[in-house]
Amino acid sequence: MKTKIAMVAPMAGDPHSEKGRQVVENIFVKNANKLKEEGTDVDYLLLRKGITDTDHLAWEALNVWNMYELFEAVRSLKGQGYDAVVIHCYSDPHLTACRQIMDVPVVGVVQSSMMIATMMGSKFGVITFAQPLIELIDDLALKYGFKDRAVRTLSMDTTNREFVKSYFDAHDLIDKFKGFARQSIEAGAEVLVPG
């Protein structure tokens, strides 16, 4: 039996544009295809409108609007034949609300990654790309019951330019990540989670 999963991105974009198509196919779909079971189809969906770059994450008003768009995108999947929905955003926006309106499982990547990390080691550390996410991720660790298993979240303070470049060549960002990984390990992390 075929399984159909929707991965909803937190960013707006045109997947039909050449650049948008390359990012979606070469990064997100390619990685999802490495992990999925045979007979599973994964559709990666960008928001039609909302935030288009990571430099706007600190603007709370933009985030409220953007995450409403994400909620609406998930809601629009109702009755479309999906067996599960993944909110592909490392802040699990509207996870509970999306679960309440859908009749299929809705998975949050923060909750899932923290749960898996606790099965792999005593403590885990999340390394994120933007300063505004530190408090949010640490609060989610508390909310999900993992606070005693998590070390303080670290941010690489990645600019949107670095972030976009990493879609096509991640070497610089990987090198940057390694430095923060060492700091997280020194703080007690046995498992590292890129967030």
Protein backbone atom coordinates (compact mmCIF):
# COMPACT_ATOMS: atom_id res chain seq x y z
CA MET A 1 0.00 0.00 0.00
CA LYS A 2 1.38 3.40 -0.99
CA THR A 3 1.92 6.03 1.67
CA LYS A 4 1.70 9.73 0.90
CA ILE A 5 3.38 12.29 3.17
CA ALA A 6 3.30 16.09 2.91
CA MET A 7 6.25 18.08 4.22
CA VAL A 8 5.20 21.71 4.71
CA ALA A 9 8.01 24.27 4.65
CA PRO A 10 7.88 27.37 6.85
CA MET A 11 9.09 29.66 4.05
CA ALA A 12 7.35 31.12 1.04
CA GLY A 13 8.68 30.56 -2.43
CA ASP A 14 7.87 29.55 -5.96
CA PRO A 15 8.79 25.87 -6.43
CA HIS A 16 8.19 26.33 -10.17
CA SER A 17 11.00 28.88 -10.51
CA GLU A 18 14.34 27.38 -11.53
CA LYS A 19 16.07 28.29 -8.26
CA GLY A 20 13.09 27.20 -6.16
CA ARG A 21 12.85 23.91 -8.02
CA GLN A 22 16.58 23.24 -7.55
CA VAL A 23 16.40 23.88 -3.82
CA VAL A 24 13.27 21.78 -3.33
CA GLU A 25 14.45 18.87 -5.48
CA ASN A 26 18.18 18.87 -4.73
CA ILE A 27 17.95 19.45 -0.99
CA PHE A 28 14.63 18.61 0.58
CA VAL A 29 13.18 15.96 -1.73
CA LYS A 30 16.56 14.28 -2.22
CA ASN A 31 17.08 14.00 1.56
CA ALA A 32 13.52 12.83 2.19
CA ASN A 33 13.95 10.16 -0.49
CA LYS A 34 17.02 8.83 1.34
CA LEU A 35 14.95 8.20 4.47
CA LYS A 36 11.56 7.13 3.22
CA GLU A 37 10.35 3.57 2.93
CA GLU A 38 9.81 2.04 -0.48
CA GLY A 39 6.32 2.85 -1.69
CA THR A 40 6.19 6.21 0.10
CA ASP A 41 5.69 9.44 -1.81
CA VAL A 42 6.82 12.69 -0.19
CA ASP A 43 5.53 16.02 -1.43
CA TYR A 44 7.51 19.06 -0.27
CA LEU A 45 5.31 22.16 -0.18
CA LEU A 46 6.43 25.79 0.10
CA LEU A 47 4.07 28.46 1.41
CA ARG A 48 2.43 30.62 -1.24
CA LYS A 49 3.10 33.76 0.77
CA GLY A 50 5.11 34.59 3.86
CA ILE A 51 8.73 35.03 4.92
CA THR A 52 11.22 34.38 2.12
CA ASP A 53 14.49 34.77 4.00
CA THR A 54 15.88 34.02 7.44
CA ASP A 55 16.90 37.62 8.20
CA HIS A 56 13.29 38.33 9.17
CA LEU A 57 13.07 35.73 11.96
CA ALA A 58 13.46 38.33 14.71
CA TRP A 59 10.39 40.26 13.49
CA GLU A 60 7.64 38.78 15.65
CA ALA A 61 4.84 40.38 13.61
CA LEU A 62 6.14 38.76 10.41
CA ASN A 63 6.42 35.41 12.18
CA VAL A 64 2.82 35.56 13.40
CA TRP A 65 1.63 36.20 9.85
CA ASN A 66 3.98 33.60 8.38
CA MET A 67 3.00 30.87 10.81
CA TYR A 68 -0.67 31.58 10.15
CA GLU A 69 0.12 30.90 6.48
CA LEU A 70 1.73 27.61 7.54
CA PHE A 71 -1.38 26.68 9.54
CA GLU A 72 -3.54 27.46 6.51
CA ALA A 73 -1.24 25.40 4.26
CA VAL A 74 -1.63 22.38 6.57
CA ARG A 75 -5.39 22.92 6.76
CA SER A 76 -5.61 22.94 2.95
CA LEU A 77 -4.20 19.39 2.89
CA LYS A 78 -7.28 18.01 4.63
CA GLY A 79 -8.98 15.49 2.37
CA GLN A 80 -6.09 15.49 -0.13
CA GLY A 81 -5.16 11.84 0.49
CA TYR A 82 -2.12 12.37 2.72
CA ASP A 83 -1.34 9.76 5.36
CA ALA A 84 0.76 12.15 7.46
CA VAL A 85 1.96 15.75 7.51
CA VAL A 86 5.40 16.91 8.61
CA ILE A 87 5.82 20.53 9.67
CA HIS A 88 9.33 21.09 8.34
CA CYS A 89 10.28 23.94 10.66
CA TYR A 90 12.55 23.80 13.67
CA SER A 91 10.11 25.57 15.94
CA ASP A 92 7.10 23.23 15.54
CA PRO A 93 4.77 26.16 14.73
CA HIS A 94 1.10 25.50 15.48
CA LEU A 95 1.86 21.80 16.00
CA THR A 96 -0.96 21.27 18.50
CA ALA A 97 -3.43 23.35 16.46
CA CYS A 98 -2.55 21.44 13.27
CA ARG A 99 -3.02 18.13 15.05
CA GLN A 100 -6.45 19.28 16.22
CA ILE A 101 -7.71 20.04 12.72
CA MET A 102 -6.19 17.09 10.84
CA ASP A 103 -7.39 13.50 10.86
CA VAL A 104 -3.91 12.13 10.05
CA PRO A 105 -0.72 12.29 12.16
CA VAL A 106 1.03 15.68 12.17
CA VAL A 107 4.72 15.47 13.07
CA GLY A 108 6.87 18.29 14.42
CA VAL A 109 10.59 18.04 13.71
CA VAL A 110 11.63 19.55 17.07
CA GLN A 111 9.62 17.10 19.12
CA SER A 112 10.67 14.15 16.94
CA SER A 113 14.37 15.02 16.87
CA MET A 114 14.52 15.57 20.63
CA MET A 115 12.74 12.29 21.25
CA ILE A 116 15.16 10.40 19.00
CA ALA A 117 18.16 12.22 20.54
CA THR A 118 17.18 11.02 24.03
CA MET A 119 17.27 7.44 22.74
CA MET A 120 20.81 7.94 21.43
CA GLY A 121 22.55 9.56 24.42
CA SER A 122 22.17 10.96 27.91
CA LYS A 123 22.18 14.61 26.77
CA PHE A 124 21.70 16.34 23.45
CA GLY A 125 22.51 19.77 22.11
CA VAL A 126 20.68 21.70 19.40
CA ILE A 127 22.68 23.98 17.12
CA THR A 128 20.48 26.43 15.28
CA PHE A 129 21.15 29.03 12.62
CA ALA A 130 19.56 32.13 14.19
CA GLN A 131 19.78 33.81 17.60
CA PRO A 132 16.00 34.38 17.94
CA LEU A 133 15.46 30.61 17.92
CA ILE A 134 17.58 29.84 21.02
CA GLU A 135 14.96 30.73 23.63
CA LEU A 136 12.17 29.18 21.57
CA ILE A 137 14.01 25.84 21.21
CA ASP A 138 15.00 25.76 24.89
CA ASP A 139 11.35 26.47 25.81
CA LEU A 140 10.22 23.60 23.56
CA ALA A 141 12.68 21.24 25.27
CA LEU A 142 11.01 22.18 28.57
CA LYS A 143 7.49 21.86 27.13
CA TYR A 144 8.21 18.42 25.67
CA GLY A 145 9.80 17.17 28.91
CA PHE A 146 13.39 17.04 27.67
CA LYS A 147 14.88 20.02 29.55
CA ASP A 148 17.02 17.81 31.83
CA ARG A 149 18.35 15.99 28.78
CA ALA A 150 19.26 19.11 26.78
CA VAL A 151 22.25 21.43 27.00
CA ARG A 152 21.80 25.11 26.14
CA THR A 153 20.94 25.64 22.46
CA LEU A 154 23.65 27.40 20.46
CA SER A 155 23.25 29.64 17.41
CA MET A 156 25.65 29.90 14.48
CA ASP A 157 24.15 33.35 13.69
CA THR A 158 23.92 32.47 10.02
CA THR A 159 23.07 35.28 7.62
CA ASN A 160 20.44 34.69 4.96
CA ARG A 161 23.21 34.89 2.34
CA GLU A 162 25.13 32.04 4.07
CA PHE A 163 21.90 30.08 4.48
CA VAL A 164 20.94 30.32 0.80
CA LYS A 165 24.51 29.55 -0.32
CA SER A 166 24.45 26.39 1.81
CA TYR A 167 21.59 25.01 -0.32
CA PHE A 168 24.08 24.66 -3.17
CA ASP A 169 27.41 24.35 -1.31
CA ALA A 170 27.29 23.64 2.42
CA HIS A 171 31.05 23.33 3.07
CA ASP A 172 31.43 26.73 4.80
CA LEU A 173 28.40 26.18 7.01
CA ILE A 174 29.54 22.67 7.90
CA ASP A 175 32.90 24.07 9.04
CA LYS A 176 31.07 26.71 11.08
CA PHE A 177 28.82 24.01 12.56
CA LYS A 178 31.84 21.98 13.70
CA GLY A 179 33.04 24.80 15.98
CA PHE A 180 29.65 25.05 17.67
CA ALA A 181 29.44 21.26 17.85
CA ARG A 182 32.63 21.23 19.94
CA GLN A 183 31.13 23.81 22.31
CA SER A 184 27.96 21.75 22.70
CA ILE A 185 29.97 18.58 23.37
CA GLU A 186 32.04 20.44 25.97
CA ALA A 187 28.75 21.46 27.63
CA GLY A 188 27.83 17.77 27.93
CA ALA A 189 26.01 16.90 24.70
CA GLU A 190 26.43 13.32 23.49
CA VAL A 191 24.06 13.82 20.56
CA LEU A 192 23.98 16.86 18.25
CA VAL A 193 20.82 18.06 16.54
CA PRO A 194 21.01 20.65 13.74
CA GLY A 195 17.99 22.91 14.17
